[in-house]
Amino acid sequence: MHGKIIFYEDRNFQGRSYECMSDCSDTSSYLSRCQSCRVESGCFMVYERPNFMGQQYFLRRGEYSDYQRMMGLSDCIRSCRMIPMYKGNYRIRIYEKENFGGQMSELMDDCDNIQDRYRMSDCMSAHVMDGHWLMYEQPHFRGRMMYLRPGEYRSFREMGYDNWRFNSVRRITESC
């Protein structure tokens, strides 16, 4: 099953629209602004800046009539990434320091409080071996988030998350 998201220039699904069924690095090519959307199938990460940068938010199937009120995002979503369906094992290694340094913990399940469970003072790099994950700034899967797909993430600071402190991590497991 493929994903499908429809972006609208105005709140409440009004104004011009743009339909997307894959990653889009810059919605401004299609819309002057984007203030609401409808996810018809799949799951997406939406970003407030082009090229998958800036604040991001996880969206599953549903209607999102007003970004600012619902999520605290700016009035524009400028890029989106489709999260592929995944049915397999989940495995991520999180590291206390950049470049996979310091204490390492391997997770195969959600963790609602990294500092309490693993006694890590910080989490500054990660290696996703299997699955798709969301890292959250606050415990219990709250606050700003970052999407991680399989790969190496040597420095969250260099990725633009220099003032963040990640406190929880969750697998993206639901069929979107």
C-alpha atoms as a PDB file:
ATOM      1  CA  MET A   1       0.000   0.000   0.000  1.00  0.00           C
ATOM      2  CA  HIS A   2       1.274   3.442  -0.882  1.00  0.00           C
ATOM      3  CA  GLY A   3       0.795   6.669   1.004  1.00  0.00           C
ATOM      4  CA  LYS A   4      -1.239   9.628  -0.112  1.00  0.00           C
ATOM      5  CA  ILE A   5      -1.374  13.075   1.477  1.00  0.00           C
ATOM      6  CA  ILE A   6      -3.195  16.156   0.192  1.00  0.00           C
ATOM      7  CA  PHE A   7      -1.942  19.608   1.238  1.00  0.00           C
ATOM      8  CA  TYR A   8      -4.192  22.698   1.197  1.00  0.00           C
ATOM      9  CA  GLU A   9      -3.160  26.353   1.168  1.00  0.00           C
ATOM     10  CA  ASP A  10      -5.722  27.365   3.773  1.00  0.00           C
ATOM     11  CA  ARG A  11      -7.143  25.994   6.996  1.00  0.00           C
ATOM     12  CA  ASN A  12     -10.088  23.582   6.887  1.00  0.00           C
ATOM     13  CA  PHE A  13      -9.042  22.080   3.531  1.00  0.00           C
ATOM     14  CA  GLN A  14      -9.689  25.265   1.588  1.00  0.00           C
ATOM     15  CA  GLY A  15      -7.775  26.926  -1.233  1.00  0.00           C
ATOM     16  CA  ARG A  16      -5.496  25.317  -3.781  1.00  0.00           C
ATOM     17  CA  SER A  17      -4.367  21.785  -3.067  1.00  0.00           C
ATOM     18  CA  TYR A  18      -1.458  19.518  -3.916  1.00  0.00           C
ATOM     19  CA  GLU A  19      -1.607  15.718  -3.810  1.00  0.00           C
ATOM     20  CA  CYS A  20       1.547  13.821  -2.907  1.00  0.00           C
ATOM     21  CA  MET A  21       2.240  10.072  -2.931  1.00  0.00           C
ATOM     22  CA  SER A  22       5.971  10.077  -2.112  1.00  0.00           C
ATOM     23  CA  ASP A  23       8.671  12.319  -0.656  1.00  0.00           C
ATOM     24  CA  CYS A  24       8.447  16.003  -1.577  1.00  0.00           C
ATOM     25  CA  SER A  25      11.478  18.179  -0.799  1.00  0.00           C
ATOM     26  CA  ASP A  26       9.721  21.520  -1.395  1.00  0.00           C
ATOM     27  CA  THR A  27       5.957  22.073  -1.440  1.00  0.00           C
ATOM     28  CA  SER A  28       6.427  25.756  -2.314  1.00  0.00           C
ATOM     29  CA  SER A  29       6.805  24.646  -5.938  1.00  0.00           C
ATOM     30  CA  TYR A  30       3.090  23.762  -5.787  1.00  0.00           C
ATOM     31  CA  LEU A  31       1.545  25.938  -3.053  1.00  0.00           C
ATOM     32  CA  SER A  32       2.316  29.404  -1.676  1.00  0.00           C
ATOM     33  CA  ARG A  33       1.605  28.143   1.844  1.00  0.00           C
ATOM     34  CA  CYS A  34       0.192  25.033   3.473  1.00  0.00           C
ATOM     35  CA  GLN A  35      -2.109  25.260   6.484  1.00  0.00           C
ATOM     36  CA  SER A  36      -4.078  21.996   6.444  1.00  0.00           C
ATOM     37  CA  CYS A  37      -3.813  18.480   5.060  1.00  0.00           C
ATOM     38  CA  ARG A  38      -5.578  15.175   4.771  1.00  0.00           C
ATOM     39  CA  VAL A  39      -3.648  11.887   4.996  1.00  0.00           C
ATOM     40  CA  GLU A  40      -5.695   9.409   2.984  1.00  0.00           C
ATOM     41  CA  SER A  41      -3.293   6.486   3.409  1.00  0.00           C
ATOM     42  CA  GLY A  42       0.109   5.756   4.851  1.00  0.00           C
ATOM     43  CA  CYS A  43       2.187   7.723   7.354  1.00  0.00           C
ATOM     44  CA  PHE A  44       4.232  10.855   6.709  1.00  0.00           C
ATOM     45  CA  MET A  45       6.694  13.127   8.457  1.00  0.00           C
ATOM     46  CA  VAL A  46       6.020  16.764   7.597  1.00  0.00           C
ATOM     47  CA  TYR A  47       8.670  19.469   7.978  1.00  0.00           C
ATOM     48  CA  GLU A  48       8.408  23.236   8.330  1.00  0.00           C
ATOM     49  CA  ARG A  49      11.350  23.894   5.971  1.00  0.00           C
ATOM     50  CA  PRO A  50      12.333  22.562   2.533  1.00  0.00           C
ATOM     51  CA  ASN A  51      14.612  19.543   2.188  1.00  0.00           C
ATOM     52  CA  PHE A  52      13.246  17.779   5.291  1.00  0.00           C
ATOM     53  CA  MET A  53      14.635  20.377   7.705  1.00  0.00           C
ATOM     54  CA  GLY A  54      13.285  22.198  10.736  1.00  0.00           C
ATOM     55  CA  GLN A  55      10.521  21.167  13.095  1.00  0.00           C
ATOM     56  CA  GLN A  56       8.902  17.892  12.066  1.00  0.00           C
ATOM     57  CA  TYR A  57       5.713  16.101  12.959  1.00  0.00           C
ATOM     58  CA  PHE A  58       4.433  12.559  12.460  1.00  0.00           C
ATOM     59  CA  LEU A  59       1.076  12.231  10.669  1.00  0.00           C
ATOM     60  CA  ARG A  60      -0.975   9.086  10.204  1.00  0.00           C
ATOM     61  CA  ARG A  61      -4.255   8.643   8.352  1.00  0.00           C
ATOM     62  CA  GLY A  62      -6.630  11.434   9.297  1.00  0.00           C
ATOM     63  CA  GLU A  63      -7.564  15.073   8.818  1.00  0.00           C
ATOM     64  CA  TYR A  64      -5.444  17.966  10.050  1.00  0.00           C
ATOM     65  CA  SER A  65      -7.513  21.108   9.581  1.00  0.00           C
ATOM     66  CA  ASP A  66      -5.224  23.645  11.281  1.00  0.00           C
ATOM     67  CA  TYR A  67      -1.476  23.010  11.830  1.00  0.00           C
ATOM     68  CA  GLN A  68      -0.790  25.969  14.078  1.00  0.00           C
ATOM     69  CA  ARG A  69      -3.566  25.134  16.540  1.00  0.00           C
ATOM     70  CA  MET A  70      -2.998  21.363  16.521  1.00  0.00           C
ATOM     71  CA  MET A  71       0.775  21.077  16.470  1.00  0.00           C
ATOM     72  CA  GLY A  72       2.317  24.455  17.113  1.00  0.00           C
ATOM     73  CA  LEU A  73       4.021  24.386  13.720  1.00  0.00           C
ATOM     74  CA  SER A  74       4.544  27.519  11.688  1.00  0.00           C
ATOM     75  CA  ASP A  75       1.899  28.304   9.098  1.00  0.00           C
ATOM     76  CA  CYS A  76       3.837  26.452   6.445  1.00  0.00           C
ATOM     77  CA  ILE A  77       4.800  22.899   5.828  1.00  0.00           C
ATOM     78  CA  ARG A  78       7.509  22.951   3.192  1.00  0.00           C
ATOM     79  CA  SER A  79       8.448  19.271   2.759  1.00  0.00           C
ATOM     80  CA  CYS A  80       7.244  15.782   3.577  1.00  0.00           C
ATOM     81  CA  ARG A  81       8.653  12.291   3.696  1.00  0.00           C
ATOM     82  CA  MET A  82       6.572   9.143   3.296  1.00  0.00           C
ATOM     83  CA  ILE A  83       7.330   6.491   5.907  1.00  0.00           C
ATOM     84  CA  PRO A  84       7.360   3.082   4.231  1.00  0.00           C
ATOM     85  CA  MET A  85       5.372   0.230   5.715  1.00  0.00           C
ATOM     86  CA  TYR A  86       7.665  -2.066   7.644  1.00  0.00           C
ATOM     87  CA  LYS A  87       6.970  -5.498   9.073  1.00  0.00           C
ATOM     88  CA  GLY A  88      10.076  -6.936  10.641  1.00  0.00           C
ATOM     89  CA  ASN A  89      12.414  -6.679  13.606  1.00  0.00           C
ATOM     90  CA  TYR A  90      13.282  -3.374  15.237  1.00  0.00           C
ATOM     91  CA  ARG A  91      16.766  -2.542  16.472  1.00  0.00           C
ATOM     92  CA  ILE A  92      18.483   0.745  17.251  1.00  0.00           C
ATOM     93  CA  ARG A  93      21.689   1.581  19.088  1.00  0.00           C
ATOM     94  CA  ILE A  94      21.774   4.909  20.876  1.00  0.00           C
ATOM     95  CA  TYR A  95      25.016   6.516  22.026  1.00  0.00           C
ATOM     96  CA  GLU A  96      25.765   9.023  24.728  1.00  0.00           C
ATOM     97  CA  LYS A  97      28.258  10.958  22.565  1.00  0.00           C
ATOM     98  CA  GLU A  98      28.729  11.911  18.942  1.00  0.00           C
ATOM     99  CA  ASN A  99      30.349   9.487  16.499  1.00  0.00           C
ATOM    100  CA  PHE A 100      29.046   6.474  18.447  1.00  0.00           C
ATOM    101  CA  GLY A 101      31.081   7.337  21.528  1.00  0.00           C
ATOM    102  CA  GLY A 102      30.415   6.906  25.221  1.00  0.00           C
ATOM    103  CA  GLN A 103      27.815   4.594  26.657  1.00  0.00           C
ATOM    104  CA  MET A 104      25.813   2.543  24.121  1.00  0.00           C
ATOM    105  CA  SER A 105      22.402   0.957  24.596  1.00  0.00           C
ATOM    106  CA  GLU A 106      20.653  -1.313  22.119  1.00  0.00           C
ATOM    107  CA  LEU A 107      16.868  -1.169  21.972  1.00  0.00           C
ATOM    108  CA  MET A 108      14.391  -3.428  20.233  1.00  0.00           C
ATOM    109  CA  ASP A 109      11.315  -1.842  21.792  1.00  0.00           C
ATOM    110  CA  ASP A 110       9.981   1.568  22.809  1.00  0.00           C
ATOM    111  CA  CYS A 111      11.630   3.420  25.690  1.00  0.00           C
ATOM    112  CA  ASP A 112       9.612   6.125  27.460  1.00  0.00           C
ATOM    113  CA  ASN A 113      12.560   7.529  29.413  1.00  0.00           C
ATOM    114  CA  ILE A 114      16.116   6.998  28.124  1.00  0.00           C
ATOM    115  CA  GLN A 115      17.852   8.752  31.037  1.00  0.00           C
ATOM    116  CA  ASP A 116      16.011   6.759  33.714  1.00  0.00           C
ATOM    117  CA  ARG A 117      16.190   3.357  32.041  1.00  0.00           C
ATOM    118  CA  TYR A 118      19.754   3.451  30.722  1.00  0.00           C
ATOM    119  CA  ARG A 119      21.340   6.070  33.005  1.00  0.00           C
ATOM    120  CA  MET A 120      22.644   7.918  29.965  1.00  0.00           C
ATOM    121  CA  SER A 121      23.446  11.577  30.516  1.00  0.00           C
ATOM    122  CA  ASP A 122      22.689  12.399  26.878  1.00  0.00           C
ATOM    123  CA  CYS A 123      21.944  10.803  23.514  1.00  0.00           C
ATOM    124  CA  MET A 124      23.943  12.387  20.683  1.00  0.00           C
ATOM    125  CA  SER A 125      24.209   9.711  17.971  1.00  0.00           C
ATOM    126  CA  ALA A 126      22.408   6.558  16.836  1.00  0.00           C
ATOM    127  CA  HIS A 127      22.609   3.643  14.462  1.00  0.00           C
ATOM    128  CA  VAL A 128      19.293   2.262  13.205  1.00  0.00           C
ATOM    129  CA  MET A 129      19.812  -1.318  12.100  1.00  0.00           C
ATOM    130  CA  ASP A 130      16.159  -2.315  11.638  1.00  0.00           C
ATOM    131  CA  GLY A 131      12.856  -0.492  11.448  1.00  0.00           C
ATOM    132  CA  HIS A 132      11.771   3.129  11.591  1.00  0.00           C
ATOM    133  CA  TRP A 133      11.889   5.139  14.823  1.00  0.00           C
ATOM    134  CA  LEU A 134      10.815   8.460  16.336  1.00  0.00           C
ATOM    135  CA  MET A 135      13.014  10.140  18.933  1.00  0.00           C
ATOM    136  CA  TYR A 136      11.322  12.635  21.264  1.00  0.00           C
ATOM    137  CA  GLU A 137      12.737  15.538  23.200  1.00  0.00           C
ATOM    138  CA  GLN A 138      10.709  14.761  26.332  1.00  0.00           C
ATOM    139  CA  PRO A 139       9.989  11.548  28.234  1.00  0.00           C
ATOM    140  CA  HIS A 140       6.801   9.612  27.478  1.00  0.00           C
ATOM    141  CA  PHE A 141       6.927  10.399  23.744  1.00  0.00           C
ATOM    142  CA  ARG A 142       6.174  14.108  24.041  1.00  0.00           C
ATOM    143  CA  GLY A 143       7.622  17.292  22.631  1.00  0.00           C
ATOM    144  CA  ARG A 144       9.538  17.837  19.437  1.00  0.00           C
ATOM    145  CA  MET A 145      10.464  14.721  17.491  1.00  0.00           C
ATOM    146  CA  MET A 146      12.939  13.433  14.937  1.00  0.00           C
ATOM    147  CA  TYR A 147      12.352  10.613  12.430  1.00  0.00           C
ATOM    148  CA  LEU A 148      15.116   8.020  12.017  1.00  0.00           C
ATOM    149  CA  ARG A 149      15.111   5.463   9.240  1.00  0.00           C
ATOM    150  CA  PRO A 150      17.749   2.719   8.850  1.00  0.00           C
ATOM    151  CA  GLY A 151      21.232   4.219   8.756  1.00  0.00           C
ATOM    152  CA  GLU A 152      23.920   5.914  10.804  1.00  0.00           C
ATOM    153  CA  TYR A 153      23.379   9.228  12.570  1.00  0.00           C
ATOM    154  CA  ARG A 154      26.837  10.292  13.774  1.00  0.00           C
ATOM    155  CA  SER A 155      25.899  13.694  15.212  1.00  0.00           C
ATOM    156  CA  PHE A 156      22.451  14.993  16.081  1.00  0.00           C
ATOM    157  CA  ARG A 157      24.110  18.377  16.713  1.00  0.00           C
ATOM    158  CA  GLU A 158      25.410  18.576  13.143  1.00  0.00           C
ATOM    159  CA  MET A 159      21.952  17.587  11.905  1.00  0.00           C
ATOM    160  CA  GLY A 160      20.584  20.785  13.514  1.00  0.00           C
ATOM    161  CA  TYR A 161      19.509  19.365  16.882  1.00  0.00           C
ATOM    162  CA  ASP A 162      22.258  21.022  18.931  1.00  0.00           C
ATOM    163  CA  ASN A 163      20.014  22.311  21.722  1.00  0.00           C
ATOM    164  CA  TRP A 164      17.972  19.132  21.997  1.00  0.00           C
ATOM    165  CA  ARG A 165      18.142  16.430  24.595  1.00  0.00           C
ATOM    166  CA  PHE A 166      16.416  13.252  23.501  1.00  0.00           C
ATOM    167  CA  ASN A 167      14.526  11.505  26.299  1.00  0.00           C
ATOM    168  CA  SER A 168      12.349   8.840  24.652  1.00  0.00           C
ATOM    169  CA  VAL A 169      12.262   6.697  21.526  1.00  0.00           C
ATOM    170  CA  ARG A 170       9.388   4.818  19.855  1.00  0.00           C
ATOM    171  CA  ARG A 171       9.110   2.347  16.986  1.00  0.00           C
ATOM    172  CA  ILE A 172       6.798   3.243  14.118  1.00  0.00           C
ATOM    173  CA  THR A 173       4.873  -0.010  14.135  1.00  0.00           C
ATOM    174  CA  GLU A 174       1.284   0.751  13.238  1.00  0.00           C
ATOM    175  CA  SER A 175       0.128  -0.070   9.784  1.00  0.00           C
ATOM    176  CA  CYS A 176      -0.256   3.355   8.361  1.00  0.00           C
END
